[in-house]
Each structure stands twice: as structure tokens, then as C-alpha cells.
C-alpha atoms as a PDB file:
ATOM      1  CA  UNK A   1    -141.367  90.240 -24.693  1.00  0.00           C
ATOM      2  CA  UNK A   2    -142.264  86.431 -25.743  1.00  0.00           C
ATOM      3  CA  UNK A   3    -139.469  84.983 -23.108  1.00  0.00           C
ATOM      4  CA  UNK A   4    -140.949  87.476 -20.175  1.00  0.00           C
ATOM      5  CA  UNK A   5    -137.988  88.545 -19.822  1.00  0.00           C
ATOM      6  CA  UNK A   6    -139.556  92.475 -19.611  1.00  0.00           C
ATOM      7  CA  UNK A   7    -142.315  94.067 -19.538  1.00  0.00           C
ATOM      8  CA  UNK A   8    -143.959  97.244 -21.807  1.00  0.00           C
ATOM      9  CA  UNK A   9    -145.455  99.513 -19.799  1.00  0.00           C
ATOM     10  CA  UNK A  10    -147.422 102.130 -21.576  1.00  0.00           C
ATOM     11  CA  UNK A  11    -146.208 105.855 -20.950  1.00  0.00           C
ATOM     12  CA  UNK A  12    -148.308 108.346 -19.012  1.00  0.00           C
ATOM     13  CA  UNK A  13    -150.260 110.941 -21.031  1.00  0.00           C
ATOM     14  CA  UNK A  14    -148.692 113.612 -19.721  1.00  0.00           C
ATOM     15  CA  UNK A  15    -144.928 111.740 -19.455  1.00  0.00           C
ATOM     16  CA  UNK A  16    -142.534 113.363 -22.058  1.00  0.00           C
ATOM     17  CA  UNK A  17    -140.165 109.995 -22.991  1.00  0.00           C
ATOM     18  CA  UNK A  18    -136.382 111.051 -23.073  1.00  0.00           C
ATOM     19  CA  UNK A  19    -134.706 109.662 -26.057  1.00  0.00           C
ATOM     20  CA  UNK A  20    -131.507 108.498 -26.435  1.00  0.00           C
ATOM     21  CA  UNK A  21    -128.425 108.000 -28.522  1.00  0.00           C
ATOM     22  CA  UNK A  22    -125.515 105.536 -29.129  1.00  0.00           C
ATOM     23  CA  UNK A  23    -122.173 106.732 -28.099  1.00  0.00           C
ATOM     24  CA  UNK A  24    -119.096 104.874 -29.681  1.00  0.00           C
ATOM     25  CA  UNK A  25    -115.377 105.129 -29.020  1.00  0.00           C
ATOM     26  CA  UNK A  26    -112.109 103.907 -29.722  1.00  0.00           C
ATOM     27  CA  UNK A  27    -109.733 103.332 -26.889  1.00  0.00           C
ATOM     28  CA  UNK A  28    -105.955 103.510 -27.857  1.00  0.00           C
ATOM     29  CA  UNK A  29    -102.994 101.995 -26.832  1.00  0.00           C
ATOM     30  CA  UNK A  30    -100.426 104.392 -25.405  1.00  0.00           C
ATOM     31  CA  UNK A  31     -98.421 103.658 -29.200  1.00  0.00           C
ATOM     32  CA  UNK A  32    -101.600 104.577 -30.932  1.00  0.00           C
ATOM     33  CA  UNK A  33    -103.454 101.001 -31.813  1.00  0.00           C
ATOM     34  CA  UNK A  34    -106.823  99.882 -31.225  1.00  0.00           C
ATOM     35  CA  UNK A  35    -106.676  98.174 -27.634  1.00  0.00           C
ATOM     36  CA  UNK A  36    -110.909  98.004 -27.955  1.00  0.00           C
ATOM     37  CA  UNK A  37    -113.814  99.765 -29.336  1.00  0.00           C
ATOM     38  CA  UNK A  38    -116.694 100.608 -26.297  1.00  0.00           C
ATOM     39  CA  UNK A  39    -120.000 101.672 -27.438  1.00  0.00           C
ATOM     40  CA  UNK A  40    -122.430 102.933 -24.216  1.00  0.00           C
ATOM     41  CA  UNK A  41    -126.365 104.230 -24.734  1.00  0.00           C
ATOM     42  CA  UNK A  42    -127.170 107.987 -23.469  1.00  0.00           C
ATOM     43  CA  UNK A  43    -129.553 109.553 -23.128  1.00  0.00           C
ATOM     44  CA  UNK A  44    -130.938 113.653 -24.342  1.00  0.00           C
ATOM     45  CA  UNK A  45    -131.624 115.452 -21.324  1.00  0.00           C
ATOM     46  CA  UNK A  46    -132.069 117.848 -22.893  1.00  0.00           C
ATOM     47  CA  UNK A  47    -135.079 117.115 -23.472  1.00  0.00           C
ATOM     48  CA  UNK A  48    -136.886 117.780 -19.578  1.00  0.00           C
ATOM     49  CA  UNK A  49    -138.453 120.217 -18.681  1.00  0.00           C
ATOM     50  CA  UNK A  50    -137.472 121.516 -14.339  1.00  0.00           C
ATOM     51  CA  UNK A  51    -140.616 119.473 -12.365  1.00  0.00           C
ATOM     52  CA  UNK A  52    -142.300 118.140 -15.281  1.00  0.00           C
ATOM     53  CA  UNK A  53    -139.574 115.610 -16.102  1.00  0.00           C
ATOM     54  CA  UNK A  54    -137.277 116.424 -14.457  1.00  0.00           C
ATOM     55  CA  UNK A  55    -136.237 113.599 -12.347  1.00  0.00           C
ATOM     56  CA  UNK A  56    -138.155 110.865 -14.040  1.00  0.00           C
ATOM     57  CA  UNK A  57    -135.809 108.600 -15.559  1.00  0.00           C
ATOM     58  CA  UNK A  58    -134.646 105.259 -15.101  1.00  0.00           C
ATOM     59  CA  UNK A  59    -131.800 103.832 -16.903  1.00  0.00           C
ATOM     60  CA  UNK A  60    -132.589 100.243 -19.482  1.00  0.00           C
ATOM     61  CA  UNK A  61    -129.637  97.679 -17.472  1.00  0.00           C
ATOM     62  CA  UNK A  62    -129.613  94.402 -18.888  1.00  0.00           C
ATOM     63  CA  UNK A  63    -128.022  91.941 -17.358  1.00  0.00           C
ATOM     64  CA  UNK A  64    -125.362  89.316 -18.764  1.00  0.00           C
ATOM     65  CA  UNK A  65    -127.668  85.895 -18.380  1.00  0.00           C
ATOM     66  CA  UNK A  66    -129.763  87.576 -21.200  1.00  0.00           C
ATOM     67  CA  UNK A  67    -127.619  88.752 -23.151  1.00  0.00           C
ATOM     68  CA  UNK A  68    -126.177  85.228 -23.157  1.00  0.00           C
ATOM     69  CA  UNK A  69    -130.131  83.892 -23.994  1.00  0.00           C
ATOM     70  CA  UNK A  70    -130.719  86.336 -26.638  1.00  0.00           C
ATOM     71  CA  UNK A  71    -127.163  85.365 -28.853  1.00  0.00           C
ATOM     72  CA  UNK A  72    -128.150  81.520 -27.686  1.00  0.00           C
ATOM     73  CA  UNK A  73    -131.917  81.736 -29.270  1.00  0.00           C
ATOM     74  CA  UNK A  74    -130.685  84.006 -32.662  1.00  0.00           C
ATOM     75  CA  UNK A  75    -127.791  81.304 -33.219  1.00  0.00           C
ATOM     76  CA  UNK A  76    -130.407  78.039 -32.628  1.00  0.00           C
ATOM     77  CA  UNK A  77    -132.628  80.051 -35.079  1.00  0.00           C
ATOM     78  CA  UNK A  78    -130.167  80.459 -37.560  1.00  0.00           C
END
């Protein structure tokens, strides 16, 4: 927040935030050796209620430039 990368907005009183979780996968080559590791942040959509908060989801998207800036700041600060 110090670098003004995002804005933290408090939820409305009638809003029920949808949780999320990380899903990790190991992608393998045809010979069963490890090709790469993948991670996804997925929403727990089963917490939504039709008519209440069913169409009000947002997907957090991070630009590569922001990740590079954060890593650079972390390296500079040890």
C-alpha cells in the first residue's frame, strides 16, 4: 500500500466475500519426468448465494511488472 499499487476497499455490509485457495500441480513430460510446477488461485464458488452475490465476483490480476517491483524491493531490503 506504501507504493500505491492497489487500493484496499472495505466490503459492503450485505456482502459475503468469496474465499479462495491455491491449487498446485506438477506437470510432467511424456517420459514421466517433471516438466514444471504450476499454481493457480481459485475462488471457492460454493460460498455464493444466487440472487445475493452470485454475479459480483472479481479476479485479482497481477501484472508481471508489479511482481518484478516487489521482488526488487524485497532484494534491496534484504
